[in-house]
Protein backbone atom coordinates (compact mmCIF):
# COMPACT_ATOMS: atom_id res chain seq x y z
CA MET A 1 92.88 146.91 41.23
CA THR A 2 94.24 150.15 40.05
CA ASP A 3 92.60 153.47 41.87
CA PRO A 4 90.44 155.82 39.75
CA ALA A 5 91.31 158.27 37.97
CA PRO A 6 91.65 162.13 39.01
CA VAL A 7 88.65 164.05 37.63
CA ASP A 8 88.89 167.51 36.35
CA GLY A 9 92.36 167.66 37.67
CA GLN A 10 91.61 167.29 40.83
CA PRO A 11 93.77 164.32 43.20
CA SER A 12 91.83 161.53 44.18
CA ALA A 13 90.84 160.28 47.38
CA PRO A 14 92.45 158.30 49.32
CA ALA A 15 91.51 154.40 49.36
CA PRO A 16 89.71 154.32 52.58
CA GLU A 17 91.46 152.44 55.75
CA PRO A 18 90.65 148.91 56.28
CA ALA A 19 88.57 148.44 59.15
CA ALA A 20 90.37 146.79 62.38
CA PRO A 21 88.91 143.48 63.22
CA ARG A 22 86.56 143.17 65.28
CA PRO A 23 87.23 140.25 68.42
CA PRO A 24 84.29 137.30 67.60
CA VAL A 25 81.11 137.64 69.71
CA LEU A 26 81.13 135.21 71.81
CA ALA A 27 77.79 133.54 72.96
CA PRO A 28 77.00 132.78 76.57
CA THR A 29 77.84 129.52 77.94
CA ALA A 30 78.08 127.75 81.25
CA ALA A 31 81.89 127.33 81.48
CA GLN A 32 81.48 129.84 84.13
CA ASP A 33 80.17 127.57 86.37
CA ALA A 34 82.61 124.48 85.58
CA PRO A 35 84.60 123.85 88.74
CA GLU A 36 88.27 124.62 88.59
CA ALA A 37 90.91 122.76 89.44
CA PRO A 38 93.54 123.46 91.98
CA PRO A 39 96.16 125.08 90.84
CA ALA A 40 99.28 123.17 88.68
CA ARG A 41 101.85 123.80 91.67
CA LEU A 42 99.47 122.45 94.03
CA TRP A 43 98.86 119.18 92.58
CA ASP A 44 102.96 118.61 92.52
CA ARG A 45 103.34 119.72 96.10
CA MET A 46 100.47 117.44 97.54
CA ARG A 47 101.84 114.76 94.76
CA GLU A 48 105.19 114.87 96.24
CA ASP A 49 103.95 114.87 99.75
CA PRO A 50 100.08 113.13 99.94
CA GLN A 51 100.90 112.60 103.72
CA TYR A 52 100.23 116.66 103.87
CA ALA A 53 98.09 117.14 100.81
CA PRO A 54 95.50 118.74 102.62
CA GLU A 55 97.02 120.77 104.41
CA HIS A 56 98.80 122.18 101.11
CA LEU A 57 95.77 122.38 99.87
CA ALA A 58 94.12 124.35 102.51
CA LEU A 59 97.05 126.88 102.62
CA GLU A 60 97.28 127.14 98.99
CA ALA A 61 93.41 127.72 99.37
CA VAL A 62 93.37 130.84 102.01
CA ARG A 63 96.63 132.75 100.06
CA ARG A 64 94.90 132.30 96.60
CA LEU A 65 91.11 132.15 97.30
CA GLY A 66 90.66 134.28 100.20
CA PRO A 67 90.85 137.50 98.40
CA GLU A 68 88.69 136.70 95.68
CA ALA A 69 86.32 135.81 98.75
CA SER A 70 86.79 139.05 100.28
CA ARG A 71 86.23 141.29 97.11
CA TRP A 72 83.31 139.53 95.99
CA ALA A 73 81.72 140.48 99.10
CA ALA A 74 82.99 143.86 99.20
CA ARG A 75 81.69 144.00 95.59
CA ALA A 76 78.52 142.42 96.78
CA ARG A 77 78.10 145.13 99.28
CA ALA A 78 78.79 148.28 97.42
CA GLU A 79 75.79 146.96 95.51
CA ARG A 80 73.54 145.97 97.66
CA PRO A 81 74.52 148.23 100.91
CA GLY A 82 72.18 146.30 103.74
CA VAL A 83 72.22 142.96 101.82
CA PRO A 84 71.85 140.30 104.83
CA ALA A 85 74.73 138.15 105.20
CA GLU A 86 72.65 135.14 105.05
CA GLU A 87 71.76 135.95 101.58
CA LEU A 88 74.95 136.34 100.58
CA ALA A 89 75.88 132.74 101.99
CA ASP A 90 72.92 131.28 100.27
CA GLN A 91 74.56 132.52 96.69
CA ALA A 92 77.93 131.09 97.68
CA VAL A 93 76.52 127.53 98.76
CA ARG A 94 74.11 127.28 95.41
CA LYS A 95 77.06 128.27 93.43
CA PHE A 96 79.62 126.17 95.22
CA VAL A 97 77.04 123.08 95.66
CA ASN A 98 75.92 123.38 91.85
CA ARG A 99 80.17 123.64 90.69
CA ALA A 100 80.80 120.13 93.35
CA ARG A 101 77.74 118.37 91.35
CA LEU A 102 79.55 119.43 87.81
CA SER A 103 83.00 117.99 89.22
CA GLY A 104 81.34 114.85 89.90
CA ALA A 105 79.75 114.40 86.58
CA VAL A 106 82.71 115.49 84.86
CA SER A 107 85.56 113.44 85.77
CA GLY A 108 83.45 110.49 87.11
CA ALA A 109 84.76 107.78 84.34
CA ALA A 110 88.27 108.27 84.09
CA GLY A 111 89.18 105.43 86.25
CA LEU A 112 91.88 106.38 89.21
CA PRO A 113 93.80 109.45 88.02
CA GLY A 114 89.90 111.11 87.30
CA ALA A 115 89.11 109.90 90.69
CA VAL A 116 91.97 111.67 91.74
CA LEU A 117 91.59 114.64 89.77
CA ASP A 118 87.87 114.36 91.00
CA VAL A 119 88.32 114.42 94.91
CA GLY A 120 90.97 117.88 93.78
CA VAL A 121 88.75 119.46 92.55
CA LEU A 122 85.59 118.94 94.80
CA ALA A 123 88.00 119.63 97.89
CA TRP A 124 88.82 122.73 96.26
CA THR A 125 85.77 123.79 95.60
CA GLN A 126 84.65 123.50 99.00
CA ALA A 127 87.27 125.44 100.24
CA ARG A 128 86.23 128.47 98.21
CA MET A 129 82.49 128.18 99.26
CA VAL A 130 83.76 127.77 102.96
CA LEU A 131 86.22 131.44 102.30
CA HIS A 132 82.65 132.69 100.75
CA ILE A 133 80.58 131.98 103.22
CA ALA A 134 83.42 133.49 105.59
CA ALA A 135 82.97 136.26 103.42
CA ALA A 136 79.47 136.61 103.81
CA HIS A 137 79.02 136.81 107.88
CA GLY A 138 82.08 139.24 107.53
CA VAL A 139 85.14 137.24 108.82
CA ASP A 140 88.10 137.53 107.17
CA PRO A 141 88.50 134.67 104.18
CA THR A 142 91.96 135.70 103.79
CA HIS A 143 93.64 135.33 107.82
CA PRO A 144 95.81 132.55 107.80
CA GLU A 145 93.60 131.06 110.80
CA ARG A 146 91.14 130.26 107.75
CA ALA A 147 93.23 127.30 106.51
CA THR A 148 92.81 125.78 110.08
CA ASP A 149 89.04 126.57 109.88
CA LEU A 150 89.29 124.62 106.46
CA LEU A 151 90.90 121.71 108.17
CA VAL A 152 88.58 121.56 111.30
CA LEU A 153 85.51 122.15 109.46
CA GLN A 154 86.05 119.52 106.67
CA LYS A 155 87.22 116.97 109.31
CA VAL A 156 90.37 116.40 108.06
CA HIS A 157 91.84 117.22 112.04
CA LYS A 158 89.08 117.05 115.50
CA VAL A 159 90.42 119.94 116.83
CA ALA A 160 91.89 123.28 115.73
CA GLU A 161 95.32 122.24 117.67
CA SER A 162 95.94 119.61 115.48
CA ALA A 163 94.97 120.92 112.54
CA ARG A 164 97.56 124.34 113.24
CA LEU A 165 100.34 121.98 114.08
CA ALA A 166 99.75 120.08 110.56
CA LEU A 167 99.99 122.99 109.13
CA GLY A 168 102.70 124.52 110.34
CA VAL A 169 104.13 120.75 109.20
CA ALA A 170 103.05 121.21 105.67
CA ALA A 171 104.34 124.98 105.13
CA GLY A 172 107.77 123.54 106.71
CA ARG A 173 107.83 120.90 104.04
CA GLU A 174 106.73 123.10 101.67
CA ARG A 175 109.45 125.25 102.26
CA ALA A 176 112.13 122.86 102.16
CA GLY A 177 110.86 121.37 99.00
CA ALA A 178 111.08 124.99 97.33
CA LEU A 179 114.75 125.07 98.41
CA PHE A 180 115.71 121.85 97.84
CA GLY A 181 113.39 120.21 95.07
CA SER A 182 111.82 117.08 96.21
CA GLY A 183 112.68 113.49 97.57
CA GLY A 184 112.32 110.07 96.24
CA GLN A 185 109.35 109.10 94.83
CA ASN A 186 107.53 106.60 95.58
CA ALA A 187 105.80 104.40 92.38
CA LEU A 188 103.49 106.38 90.79
CA GLY A 189 99.99 104.21 91.49
CA LYS A 190 100.90 104.12 95.30
CA THR A 191 101.66 107.95 95.26
CA MET A 192 98.37 108.50 93.27
CA MET A 193 95.90 106.05 95.65
CA ARG A 194 97.59 107.50 98.97
CA LEU A 195 96.86 111.58 97.57
CA GLY A 196 93.08 110.04 96.44
CA VAL A 197 92.42 108.72 100.15
CA ARG A 198 93.74 111.70 101.39
CA LEU A 199 91.84 114.49 99.08
CA ALA A 200 88.73 112.48 99.53
CA GLN A 201 89.03 112.10 103.36
CA MET A 202 89.07 116.33 103.09
CA ALA A 203 86.25 116.32 100.60
CA GLY A 204 83.71 114.45 103.02
CA VAL A 205 83.57 111.05 100.99
CA ARG A 206 84.10 107.16 101.78
CA ALA A 207 87.73 107.78 100.77
CA ALA A 208 88.42 103.43 100.09
CA LYS A 209 84.66 103.70 98.58
CA ARG A 210 84.72 106.98 96.85
CA VAL A 211 88.40 106.40 95.15
CA PHE A 212 87.78 102.64 94.14
CA ALA A 213 84.09 103.19 92.65
CA LYS A 214 85.39 106.06 90.59
CA VAL A 215 87.31 103.30 88.77
CA ILE A 216 84.02 101.45 87.62
CA PRO A 217 83.16 103.75 84.63
CA GLY A 218 79.57 102.52 84.87
CA ALA A 219 78.21 103.71 88.41
CA ALA A 220 81.38 106.42 88.60
CA ILE A 221 78.87 109.22 87.61
CA ILE A 222 76.25 108.53 89.04
CA LEU A 223 78.08 107.75 92.37
CA GLY A 224 80.21 111.33 91.82
CA THR A 225 77.48 113.76 91.17
CA TRP A 226 75.34 112.47 94.27
CA ALA A 227 77.89 112.17 96.69
CA ASN A 228 80.02 115.52 96.19
CA SER A 229 76.38 117.57 96.00
CA SER A 230 75.51 115.73 99.24
CA ALA A 231 79.14 116.29 101.18
CA THR A 232 79.23 119.97 99.81
CA LYS A 233 75.80 120.58 101.41
CA ASP A 234 77.06 119.02 104.69
CA LEU A 235 80.05 121.32 104.92
CA ALA A 236 77.88 124.15 103.92
CA GLU A 237 75.80 124.22 107.20
CA ARG A 238 78.75 123.61 109.48
CA SER A 239 80.53 126.20 107.81
CA ARG A 240 77.17 128.51 108.17
CA GLN A 241 77.26 127.46 111.57
CA LEU A 242 80.74 128.15 112.25
CA TYR A 243 80.70 131.53 110.96
CA ARG A 244 77.14 132.94 111.93
CA SER A 245 78.53 132.44 115.62
CA ARG A 246 81.24 134.21 114.64
CA GLY A 247 80.30 137.36 111.98
CA ILE A 248 79.60 140.88 112.78
CA THR A 249 77.90 142.71 110.22
CA GLY A 250 80.68 144.75 108.52
CA SER A 251 84.15 144.92 106.78
CA GLY A 252 87.18 143.28 108.60
CA ALA A 253 85.11 141.33 111.02
CA GLY A 254 86.05 138.10 112.84
CA SER A 255 89.81 137.89 111.25
CA GLY A 256 90.64 136.01 114.49
CA SER A 257 90.56 132.77 116.34
CA GLY A 258 90.00 129.79 114.68
CA SER A 259 88.02 127.07 115.29
CA ALA A 260 87.81 125.74 118.83
């Protein structure tokens, strides 16, 4: 198509510039409520060292999710000065119990790999919830002692001393793995089963019943949805009791001591 001829000797007007493309408008979805899986590097670490999978998850959760929880609490208090800690904790519990329920429904019928994925996602979601509850009560979610809290609250260890010792071992193995690479691998099925059992223990569900039931497609979704929600609610109550006794309204409080 040619430009129009000039009129009365006047130059023709330049053709209008094409409009810049606009990003598509996306309708709001429920994706923001979907449970988030642990990062790929953490999965690799846990698969290579399944015996210390809960400790690796706790260490990574504090490093990665602690700052997120701290920002969330700071933003909530800036938007609503004087908001009660219990109200913030209520928000966190509702949000993450719902995510835990979804994690059971999503991967319920995927066999053994799905069972391992489910308990890993559940343990990660629960760790995120605990750190948000800590932040709601003014306890620093980025402090290294929160990893100890996670392991005691999730009943991986009975007392803080044994949790700290195991975390030290896991951290040392993490550094060794980064320097020298992983050693010989067990058969994949055996490794997956061991990893699933350890993560199921951390997630607060009976390991054998949980993992093997996941392999049965029919009952898996119902069991997963109910068990994830129930275990997470129980953990939420234990976490609130712990941080309610420690917390002080105000930023930076409660950064120190771990679980007794």
